[in-house]
PDB file of N, CA and C in Angstrom:
ATOM      1  N   MET A   1       0.828  -1.201   0.000  1.00  0.00           N
ATOM      2  CA  MET A   1       0.000   0.000   0.000  1.00  0.00           C
ATOM      3  C   MET A   1       0.866   1.254   0.000  1.00  0.00           C
ATOM      4  N   GLU A   2       1.921   1.261   0.794  1.00  0.00           N
ATOM      5  CA  GLU A   2       2.783   2.426   0.883  1.00  0.00           C
ATOM      6  C   GLU A   2       3.431   2.734  -0.471  1.00  0.00           C
ATOM      7  N   GLU A   3       3.837   1.687  -1.182  1.00  0.00           N
ATOM      8  CA  GLU A   3       4.444   1.883  -2.502  1.00  0.00           C
ATOM      9  C   GLU A   3       3.442   2.504  -3.472  1.00  0.00           C
ATOM     10  N   GLU A   4       2.194   2.051  -3.426  1.00  0.00           N
ATOM     11  CA  GLU A   4       1.156   2.622  -4.281  1.00  0.00           C
ATOM     12  C   GLU A   4       0.933   4.102  -3.961  1.00  0.00           C
ATOM     13  N   TYR A   5       0.933   4.453  -2.681  1.00  0.00           N
ATOM     14  CA  TYR A   5       0.776   5.847  -2.265  1.00  0.00           C
ATOM     15  C   TYR A   5       1.874   6.699  -2.881  1.00  0.00           C
ATOM     16  N   TYR A   6       3.118   6.257  -2.746  1.00  0.00           N
ATOM     17  CA  TYR A   6       4.247   7.035  -3.258  1.00  0.00           C
ATOM     18  C   TYR A   6       4.241   7.108  -4.786  1.00  0.00           C
ATOM     19  N   ASP A   7       3.831   6.031  -5.436  1.00  0.00           N
ATOM     20  CA  ASP A   7       3.728   6.059  -6.898  1.00  0.00           C
ATOM     21  C   ASP A   7       2.692   7.086  -7.350  1.00  0.00           C
ATOM     22  N   LYS A   8       1.542   7.097  -6.715  1.00  0.00           N
ATOM     23  CA  LYS A   8       0.491   8.044  -7.083  1.00  0.00           C
ATOM     24  C   LYS A   8       0.887   9.471  -6.728  1.00  0.00           C
ATOM     25  N   ALA A   9       1.538   9.657  -5.597  1.00  0.00           N
ATOM     26  CA  ALA A   9       2.001  10.996  -5.209  1.00  0.00           C
ATOM     27  C   ALA A   9       3.003  11.520  -6.232  1.00  0.00           C
ATOM     28  N   THR A  10       3.906  10.672  -6.659  1.00  0.00           N
ATOM     29  CA  THR A  10       4.902  11.067  -7.658  1.00  0.00           C
ATOM     30  C   THR A  10       4.233  11.419  -8.981  1.00  0.00           C
ATOM     31  N   ARG A  11       3.271  10.611  -9.408  1.00  0.00           N
ATOM     32  CA  ARG A  11       2.550  10.907 -10.658  1.00  0.00           C
ATOM     33  C   ARG A  11       1.825  12.239 -10.566  1.00  0.00           C
ATOM     34  N   LEU A  12       1.146  12.488  -9.439  1.00  0.00           N
ATOM     35  CA  LEU A  12       0.423  13.743  -9.264  1.00  0.00           C
ATOM     36  C   LEU A  12       1.382  14.926  -9.295  1.00  0.00           C
ATOM     37  N   LEU A  13       2.463  14.843  -8.563  1.00  0.00           N
ATOM     38  CA  LEU A  13       3.414  15.946  -8.525  1.00  0.00           C
ATOM     39  C   LEU A  13       4.054  16.181  -9.891  1.00  0.00           C
ATOM     40  N   ASP A  14       4.284  15.115 -10.652  1.00  0.00           N
ATOM     41  CA  ASP A  14       4.792  15.267 -12.025  1.00  0.00           C
ATOM     42  C   ASP A  14       3.778  15.993 -12.903  1.00  0.00           C
ATOM     43  N   ILE A  15       2.507  15.656 -12.764  1.00  0.00           N
ATOM     44  CA  ILE A  15       1.450  16.322 -13.539  1.00  0.00           C
ATOM     45  C   ILE A  15       1.394  17.802 -13.173  1.00  0.00           C
ATOM     46  N   ILE A  16       1.396  18.103 -11.884  1.00  0.00           N
ATOM     47  CA  ILE A  16       1.341  19.504 -11.447  1.00  0.00           C
ATOM     48  C   ILE A  16       2.568  20.264 -11.944  1.00  0.00           C
ATOM     49  N   TYR A  17       3.730  19.670 -11.831  1.00  0.00           N
ATOM     50  CA  TYR A  17       4.956  20.311 -12.316  1.00  0.00           C
ATOM     51  C   TYR A  17       4.836  20.636 -13.806  1.00  0.00           C
ATOM     52  N   ASP A  18       4.386  19.665 -14.596  1.00  0.00           N
ATOM     53  CA  ASP A  18       4.242  19.883 -16.041  1.00  0.00           C
ATOM     54  C   ASP A  18       3.247  21.001 -16.351  1.00  0.00           C
ATOM     55  N   LEU A  19       2.146  21.058 -15.608  1.00  0.00           N
ATOM     56  CA  LEU A  19       1.140  22.104 -15.835  1.00  0.00           C
ATOM     57  C   LEU A  19       1.684  23.488 -15.476  1.00  0.00           C
ATOM     58  N   VAL A  20       2.444  23.575 -14.414  1.00  0.00           N
ATOM     59  CA  VAL A  20       3.037  24.854 -14.022  1.00  0.00           C
ATOM     60  C   VAL A  20       4.115  25.258 -15.022  1.00  0.00           C
ATOM     61  N   GLU A  21       4.988  24.331 -15.385  1.00  0.00           N
ATOM     62  CA  GLU A  21       6.067  24.622 -16.328  1.00  0.00           C
ATOM     63  C   GLU A  21       5.543  25.056 -17.696  1.00  0.00           C
ATOM     64  N   SER A  22       4.418  24.511 -18.115  1.00  0.00           N
ATOM     65  CA  SER A  22       3.853  24.864 -19.421  1.00  0.00           C
ATOM     66  C   SER A  22       3.003  26.132 -19.350  1.00  0.00           C
ATOM     67  N   GLY A  23       2.857  26.704 -18.154  1.00  0.00           N
ATOM     68  CA  GLY A  23       2.097  27.939 -17.990  1.00  0.00           C
ATOM     69  C   GLY A  23       0.595  27.755 -17.910  1.00  0.00           C
ATOM     70  N   GLN A  24       0.128  26.521 -17.786  1.00  0.00           N
ATOM     71  CA  GLN A  24      -1.306  26.276 -17.705  1.00  0.00           C
ATOM     72  C   GLN A  24      -1.866  26.581 -16.318  1.00  0.00           C
ATOM     73  N   ILE A  25      -1.003  26.524 -15.325  1.00  0.00           N
ATOM     74  CA  ILE A  25      -1.354  26.972 -13.975  1.00  0.00           C
ATOM     75  C   ILE A  25      -0.346  28.069 -13.659  1.00  0.00           C
ATOM     76  N   ASP A  26      -0.806  29.334 -13.669  1.00  0.00           N
ATOM     77  CA  ASP A  26       0.115  30.436 -13.406  1.00  0.00           C
ATOM     78  C   ASP A  26      -0.620  31.624 -12.802  1.00  0.00           C
ATOM     79  N   GLY A  27       0.121  32.619 -12.428  1.00  0.00           N
ATOM     80  CA  GLY A  27      -0.472  33.814 -11.842  1.00  0.00           C
ATOM     81  C   GLY A  27      -0.440  33.772 -10.334  1.00  0.00           C
ATOM     82  N   PRO A  28      -0.853  34.868  -9.705  1.00  0.00           N
ATOM     83  CA  PRO A  28      -0.777  34.971  -8.250  1.00  0.00           C
ATOM     84  C   PRO A  28      -1.702  33.994  -7.519  1.00  0.00           C
ATOM     85  N   GLU A  29      -2.757  33.575  -8.145  1.00  0.00           N
ATOM     86  CA  GLU A  29      -3.688  32.632  -7.529  1.00  0.00           C
ATOM     87  C   GLU A  29      -3.448  31.207  -8.037  1.00  0.00           C
ATOM     88  N   ALA A  30      -2.262  30.954  -8.545  1.00  0.00           N
ATOM     89  CA  ALA A  30      -1.968  29.692  -9.218  1.00  0.00           C
ATOM     90  C   ALA A  30      -1.604  28.585  -8.241  1.00  0.00           C
ATOM     91  N   LEU A  31      -2.594  27.983  -7.696  1.00  0.00           N
ATOM     92  CA  LEU A  31      -2.405  26.831  -6.841  1.00  0.00           C
ATOM     93  C   LEU A  31      -3.130  25.649  -7.481  1.00  0.00           C
ATOM     94  N   PRO A  32      -2.627  24.438  -7.296  1.00  0.00           N
ATOM     95  CA  PRO A  32      -3.273  23.289  -7.930  1.00  0.00           C
ATOM     96  C   PRO A  32      -4.634  22.941  -7.332  1.00  0.00           C
ATOM     97  N   PHE A  33      -4.920  23.466  -6.133  1.00  0.00           N
ATOM     98  CA  PHE A  33      -6.211  23.206  -5.497  1.00  0.00           C
ATOM     99  C   PHE A  33      -6.478  24.285  -4.459  1.00  0.00           C
ATOM    100  N   SER A  34      -7.718  24.352  -4.035  1.00  0.00           N
ATOM    101  CA  SER A  34      -8.086  25.247  -2.944  1.00  0.00           C
ATOM    102  C   SER A  34      -8.956  24.468  -1.964  1.00  0.00           C
ATOM    103  N   ILE A  35      -9.027  24.981  -0.755  1.00  0.00           N
ATOM    104  CA  ILE A  35      -9.838  24.361   0.287  1.00  0.00           C
ATOM    105  C   ILE A  35     -10.771  25.425   0.832  1.00  0.00           C
ATOM    106  N   ASP A  36     -12.072  25.147   0.818  1.00  0.00           N
ATOM    107  CA  ASP A  36     -13.018  26.133   1.333  1.00  0.00           C
ATOM    108  C   ASP A  36     -13.125  26.026   2.856  1.00  0.00           C
ATOM    109  N   THR A  37     -13.931  26.868   3.441  1.00  0.00           N
ATOM    110  CA  THR A  37     -14.030  26.939   4.905  1.00  0.00           C
ATOM    111  C   THR A  37     -14.558  25.657   5.548  1.00  0.00           C
ATOM    112  N   SER A  38     -15.266  24.849   4.776  1.00  0.00           N
ATOM    113  CA  SER A  38     -15.767  23.585   5.317  1.00  0.00           C
ATOM    114  C   SER A  38     -14.808  22.419   5.073  1.00  0.00           C
ATOM    115  N   GLY A  39     -13.640  22.725   4.466  1.00  0.00           N
ATOM    116  CA  GLY A  39     -12.649  21.686   4.216  1.00  0.00           C
ATOM    117  C   GLY A  39     -12.788  20.982   2.885  1.00  0.00           C
ATOM    118  N   GLU A  40     -13.730  21.421   2.078  1.00  0.00           N
ATOM    119  CA  GLU A  40     -13.957  20.822   0.762  1.00  0.00           C
ATOM    120  C   GLU A  40     -12.851  21.254  -0.200  1.00  0.00           C
ATOM    121  N   ILE A  41     -12.319  20.288  -0.943  1.00  0.00           N
ATOM    122  CA  ILE A  41     -11.240  20.556  -1.895  1.00  0.00           C
ATOM    123  C   ILE A  41     -11.818  20.818  -3.280  1.00  0.00           C
ATOM    124  N   SER A  42     -11.287  21.860  -3.933  1.00  0.00           N
ATOM    125  CA  SER A  42     -11.607  22.152  -5.328  1.00  0.00           C
ATOM    126  C   SER A  42     -10.299  22.153  -6.094  1.00  0.00           C
ATOM    127  N   LEU A  43     -10.227  21.308  -7.110  1.00  0.00           N
ATOM    128  CA  LEU A  43      -9.029  21.245  -7.932  1.00  0.00           C
ATOM    129  C   LEU A  43      -9.036  22.365  -8.953  1.00  0.00           C
ATOM    130  N   HIS A  44      -7.864  22.881  -9.288  1.00  0.00           N
ATOM    131  CA  HIS A  44      -7.738  23.850 -10.381  1.00  0.00           C
ATOM    132  C   HIS A  44      -8.321  23.186 -11.622  1.00  0.00           C
ATOM    133  N   HIS A  45      -9.054  23.943 -12.427  1.00  0.00           N
ATOM    134  CA  HIS A  45      -9.779  23.339 -13.552  1.00  0.00           C
ATOM    135  C   HIS A  45      -8.852  22.609 -14.526  1.00  0.00           C
ATOM    136  N   VAL A  46      -7.636  23.078 -14.710  1.00  0.00           N
ATOM    137  CA  VAL A  46      -6.703  22.411 -15.621  1.00  0.00           C
ATOM    138  C   VAL A  46      -6.228  21.086 -15.020  1.00  0.00           C
ATOM    139  N   LEU A  47      -5.972  21.065 -13.717  1.00  0.00           N
ATOM    140  CA  LEU A  47      -5.595  19.823 -13.054  1.00  0.00           C
ATOM    141  C   LEU A  47      -6.746  18.833 -13.095  1.00  0.00           C
ATOM    142  N   ASP A  48      -7.953  19.311 -12.863  1.00  0.00           N
ATOM    143  CA  ASP A  48      -9.130  18.448 -12.926  1.00  0.00           C
ATOM    144  C   ASP A  48      -9.283  17.835 -14.317  1.00  0.00           C
ATOM    145  N   GLU A  49      -9.077  18.628 -15.355  1.00  0.00           N
ATOM    146  CA  GLU A  49      -9.148  18.119 -16.734  1.00  0.00           C
ATOM    147  C   GLU A  49      -8.074  17.065 -16.983  1.00  0.00           C
ATOM    148  N   GLU A  50      -6.878  17.316 -16.482  1.00  0.00           N
ATOM    149  CA  GLU A  50      -5.778  16.358 -16.668  1.00  0.00           C
ATOM    150  C   GLU A  50      -6.069  15.042 -15.949  1.00  0.00           C
ATOM    151  N   LEU A  51      -6.641  15.128 -14.764  1.00  0.00           N
ATOM    152  CA  LEU A  51      -6.964  13.920 -14.005  1.00  0.00           C
ATOM    153  C   LEU A  51      -8.158  13.172 -14.583  1.00  0.00           C
ATOM    154  N   SER A  52      -8.927  13.816 -15.440  1.00  0.00           N
ATOM    155  CA  SER A  52     -10.080  13.167 -16.074  1.00  0.00           C
ATOM    156  C   SER A  52      -9.684  12.378 -17.321  1.00  0.00           C
ATOM    157  N   LYS A  53      -8.452  12.541 -17.774  1.00  0.00           N
ATOM    158  CA  LYS A  53      -7.974  11.780 -18.927  1.00  0.00           C
ATOM    159  C   LYS A  53      -7.868  10.313 -18.551  1.00  0.00           C
ATOM    160  N   ASP A  54      -8.084   9.442 -19.544  1.00  0.00           N
ATOM    161  CA  ASP A  54      -8.047   7.999 -19.291  1.00  0.00           C
ATOM    162  C   ASP A  54      -6.774   7.554 -18.580  1.00  0.00           C
ATOM    163  N   SER A  55      -5.639   8.115 -18.957  1.00  0.00           N
ATOM    164  CA  SER A  55      -4.366   7.677 -18.387  1.00  0.00           C
ATOM    165  C   SER A  55      -4.191   8.090 -16.917  1.00  0.00           C
ATOM    166  N   ASN A  56      -5.019   9.005 -16.451  1.00  0.00           N
ATOM    167  CA  ASN A  56      -4.892   9.499 -15.075  1.00  0.00           C
ATOM    168  C   ASN A  56      -6.135   9.276 -14.224  1.00  0.00           C
ATOM    169  N   ARG A  57      -7.124   8.635 -14.774  1.00  0.00           N
ATOM    170  CA  ARG A  57      -8.396   8.493 -14.056  1.00  0.00           C
ATOM    171  C   ARG A  57      -8.273   7.794 -12.711  1.00  0.00           C
ATOM    172  N   ASP A  58      -7.310   6.877 -12.607  1.00  0.00           N
ATOM    173  CA  ASP A  58      -7.137   6.165 -11.342  1.00  0.00           C
ATOM    174  C   ASP A  58      -6.633   7.081 -10.234  1.00  0.00           C
ATOM    175  N   LEU A  59      -6.115   8.248 -10.597  1.00  0.00           N
ATOM    176  CA  LEU A  59      -5.608   9.190  -9.607  1.00  0.00           C
ATOM    177  C   LEU A  59      -6.681  10.093  -9.005  1.00  0.00           C
ATOM    178  N   LYS A  60      -7.745  10.332  -9.749  1.00  0.00           N
ATOM    179  CA  LYS A  60      -8.711  11.372  -9.364  1.00  0.00           C
ATOM    180  C   LYS A  60      -9.248  11.194  -7.942  1.00  0.00           C
ATOM    181  N   GLY A  61      -9.797  10.060  -7.616  1.00  0.00           N
ATOM    182  CA  GLY A  61     -10.322   9.820  -6.276  1.00  0.00           C
ATOM    183  C   GLY A  61      -9.234   9.862  -5.216  1.00  0.00           C
ATOM    184  N   TRP A  62      -8.084   9.309  -5.557  1.00  0.00           N
ATOM    185  CA  TRP A  62      -6.949   9.317  -4.640  1.00  0.00           C
ATOM    186  C   TRP A  62      -6.518  10.746  -4.332  1.00  0.00           C
ATOM    187  N   VAL A  63      -6.468  11.585  -5.354  1.00  0.00           N
ATOM    188  CA  VAL A  63      -6.063  12.981  -5.190  1.00  0.00           C
ATOM    189  C   VAL A  63      -7.017  13.707  -4.248  1.00  0.00           C
ATOM    190  N   GLU A  64      -8.297  13.512  -4.418  1.00  0.00           N
ATOM    191  CA  GLU A  64      -9.276  14.213  -3.594  1.00  0.00           C
ATOM    192  C   GLU A  64      -9.137  13.859  -2.117  1.00  0.00           C
ATOM    193  N   VAL A  65      -8.647  12.666  -1.836  1.00  0.00           N
ATOM    194  CA  VAL A  65      -8.458  12.232  -0.444  1.00  0.00           C
ATOM    195  C   VAL A  65      -7.087  12.655   0.101  1.00  0.00           C
ATOM    196  N   ASN A  66      -6.064  12.648  -0.742  1.00  0.00           N
ATOM    197  CA  ASN A  66      -4.690  12.787  -0.256  1.00  0.00           C
ATOM    198  C   ASN A  66      -3.967  14.088  -0.582  1.00  0.00           C
ATOM    199  N   ILE A  67      -4.533  14.944  -1.411  1.00  0.00           N
ATOM    200  CA  ILE A  67      -3.781  16.114  -1.858  1.00  0.00           C
ATOM    201  C   ILE A  67      -3.395  17.047  -0.717  1.00  0.00           C
ATOM    202  N   LYS A  68      -4.245  17.188   0.281  1.00  0.00           N
ATOM    203  CA  LYS A  68      -3.919  18.069   1.415  1.00  0.00           C
ATOM    204  C   LYS A  68      -2.656  17.619   2.137  1.00  0.00           C
ATOM    205  N   ASP A  69      -2.455  16.311   2.231  1.00  0.00           N
ATOM    206  CA  ASP A  69      -1.284  15.777   2.925  1.00  0.00           C
ATOM    207  C   ASP A  69       0.013  16.056   2.169  1.00  0.00           C
ATOM    208  N   LEU A  70      -0.075  16.247   0.865  1.00  0.00           N
ATOM    209  CA  LEU A  70       1.118  16.455   0.059  1.00  0.00           C
ATOM    210  C   LEU A  70       1.604  17.904   0.094  1.00  0.00           C
ATOM    211  N   PHE A  71       0.697  18.818   0.447  1.00  0.00           N
ATOM    212  CA  PHE A  71       1.052  20.235   0.445  1.00  0.00           C
ATOM    213  C   PHE A  71       0.925  20.745   1.825  1.00  0.00           C
TER     214      PHE A  71
END
């Protein structure tokens, strides 16, 4: 289980890095996600689109549960 966690964390961070480097996530409000006052996570729309691709679909649910721990 721990290996799977680290593999998914690495994949997510690689995706975020690529999106930032390509300028798709930029500007002063450029964070990959936000958390509202009730603790609900909202992914940046570009990250959400990337996670909806077939090659990344297995990450989407995992990200929603674990992204806070990574940042």
